[in-house]
Amino acid sequence: MFKILAKINKLILPSFTKQGLDISKAKKWQMAIIGYRAYVTKRALG
């Protein structure tokens, strides 16, 4: 289930690393998306 969710996230959610976002200057909603994507990716790989 997490592998499918990870693929959907990749298509829908923005990639902040490609945009060159500095993590220390990220807004709270950007940090929430980063954390969510990291959680889903970790679960999909494990």
N, C-alpha and C. Protein backbone atom coordinates (compact mmCIF):
# COMPACT_ATOMS: atom_id res chain seq x y z
N MET A 1 0.81 -1.19 0.00
CA MET A 1 0.00 0.00 0.00
C MET A 1 0.86 1.26 0.00
N PHE A 2 1.96 1.27 0.76
CA PHE A 2 2.81 2.45 0.83
C PHE A 2 3.56 2.69 -0.48
N LYS A 3 3.83 1.63 -1.24
CA LYS A 3 4.50 1.82 -2.53
C LYS A 3 3.60 2.58 -3.49
N ILE A 4 2.32 2.26 -3.48
CA ILE A 4 1.36 2.97 -4.33
C ILE A 4 1.23 4.41 -3.87
N LEU A 5 1.15 4.60 -2.57
CA LEU A 5 1.04 5.94 -2.01
C LEU A 5 2.27 6.78 -2.33
N ALA A 6 3.44 6.16 -2.30
CA ALA A 6 4.68 6.87 -2.63
C ALA A 6 4.68 7.32 -4.09
N LYS A 7 4.17 6.50 -4.98
CA LYS A 7 4.10 6.88 -6.40
C LYS A 7 3.12 8.03 -6.61
N ILE A 8 2.00 7.99 -5.91
CA ILE A 8 1.02 9.07 -6.01
C ILE A 8 1.62 10.37 -5.48
N ASN A 9 2.34 10.28 -4.37
CA ASN A 9 2.99 11.47 -3.79
C ASN A 9 3.99 12.07 -4.76
N LYS A 10 4.72 11.21 -5.44
CA LYS A 10 5.73 11.69 -6.38
C LYS A 10 5.09 12.47 -7.52
N LEU A 11 3.91 12.04 -7.93
CA LEU A 11 3.22 12.73 -9.02
C LEU A 11 2.54 14.01 -8.58
N ILE A 12 1.97 14.01 -7.38
CA ILE A 12 1.12 15.12 -6.95
C ILE A 12 1.88 16.17 -6.14
N LEU A 13 2.60 15.75 -5.13
CA LEU A 13 3.24 16.69 -4.22
C LEU A 13 4.51 17.29 -4.82
N PRO A 14 4.81 18.54 -4.49
CA PRO A 14 6.01 19.19 -5.03
C PRO A 14 7.29 18.62 -4.42
N SER A 15 8.34 18.62 -5.21
CA SER A 15 9.64 18.21 -4.72
C SER A 15 10.43 19.47 -4.36
N PHE A 16 10.63 19.69 -3.09
CA PHE A 16 11.30 20.91 -2.66
C PHE A 16 12.80 20.86 -2.90
N THR A 17 13.38 19.67 -2.99
CA THR A 17 14.81 19.58 -3.25
C THR A 17 15.12 20.01 -4.68
N LYS A 18 14.24 19.70 -5.61
CA LYS A 18 14.44 20.14 -6.99
C LYS A 18 14.28 21.64 -7.13
N GLN A 19 13.49 22.23 -6.24
CA GLN A 19 13.27 23.68 -6.26
C GLN A 19 14.38 24.43 -5.53
N GLY A 20 15.26 23.69 -4.87
CA GLY A 20 16.36 24.31 -4.14
C GLY A 20 15.95 24.95 -2.83
N LEU A 21 14.94 24.39 -2.17
CA LEU A 21 14.46 24.94 -0.91
C LEU A 21 15.47 24.67 0.21
N ASP A 22 15.78 25.71 0.96
CA ASP A 22 16.63 25.57 2.14
C ASP A 22 15.76 25.11 3.30
N ILE A 23 16.08 23.96 3.87
CA ILE A 23 15.25 23.38 4.93
C ILE A 23 15.13 24.32 6.13
N SER A 24 16.18 25.04 6.45
CA SER A 24 16.13 25.92 7.61
C SER A 24 15.19 27.12 7.40
N LYS A 25 14.85 27.41 6.14
CA LYS A 25 13.95 28.53 5.85
C LYS A 25 12.57 28.07 5.40
N ALA A 26 12.30 26.78 5.50
CA ALA A 26 11.02 26.23 5.05
C ALA A 26 9.89 26.63 5.99
N LYS A 27 8.72 26.84 5.41
CA LYS A 27 7.53 27.16 6.20
C LYS A 27 7.00 25.88 6.84
N LYS A 28 6.09 26.04 7.79
CA LYS A 28 5.56 24.88 8.51
C LYS A 28 4.85 23.90 7.59
N TRP A 29 4.07 24.40 6.62
CA TRP A 29 3.36 23.50 5.72
C TRP A 29 4.34 22.76 4.81
N GLN A 30 5.45 23.40 4.45
CA GLN A 30 6.47 22.73 3.64
C GLN A 30 7.16 21.64 4.45
N MET A 31 7.42 21.92 5.73
CA MET A 31 8.04 20.92 6.60
C MET A 31 7.09 19.74 6.81
N ALA A 32 5.79 20.01 6.88
CA ALA A 32 4.81 18.94 7.03
C ALA A 32 4.82 18.03 5.81
N ILE A 33 4.89 18.61 4.62
CA ILE A 33 4.93 17.80 3.39
C ILE A 33 6.22 17.00 3.32
N ILE A 34 7.33 17.61 3.70
CA ILE A 34 8.62 16.91 3.69
C ILE A 34 8.58 15.72 4.65
N GLY A 35 8.05 15.94 5.85
CA GLY A 35 7.96 14.87 6.84
C GLY A 35 7.04 13.75 6.39
N TYR A 36 5.91 14.12 5.80
CA TYR A 36 4.96 13.13 5.30
C TYR A 36 5.58 12.29 4.19
N ARG A 37 6.26 12.94 3.26
CA ARG A 37 6.89 12.21 2.15
C ARG A 37 7.99 11.29 2.67
N ALA A 38 8.75 11.75 3.65
CA ALA A 38 9.81 10.93 4.22
C ALA A 38 9.23 9.70 4.91
N TYR A 39 8.15 9.89 5.65
CA TYR A 39 7.50 8.77 6.34
C TYR A 39 6.99 7.72 5.34
N VAL A 40 6.31 8.18 4.30
CA VAL A 40 5.75 7.25 3.30
C VAL A 40 6.88 6.53 2.57
N THR A 41 7.92 7.25 2.21
CA THR A 41 9.05 6.63 1.51
C THR A 41 9.72 5.57 2.39
N LYS A 42 9.91 5.89 3.67
CA LYS A 42 10.53 4.94 4.59
C LYS A 42 9.68 3.68 4.72
N ARG A 43 8.37 3.84 4.84
CA ARG A 43 7.47 2.69 4.95
C ARG A 43 7.43 1.88 3.64
N ALA A 44 7.53 2.54 2.50
CA ALA A 44 7.48 1.86 1.21
C ALA A 44 8.74 1.03 0.99
N LEU A 45 9.87 1.50 1.50
CA LEU A 45 11.14 0.78 1.32
C LEU A 45 11.29 -0.35 2.32
N GLY A 46 10.67 -0.22 3.47
CA GLY A 46 10.86 -1.19 4.55
C GLY A 46 9.85 -2.22 4.58
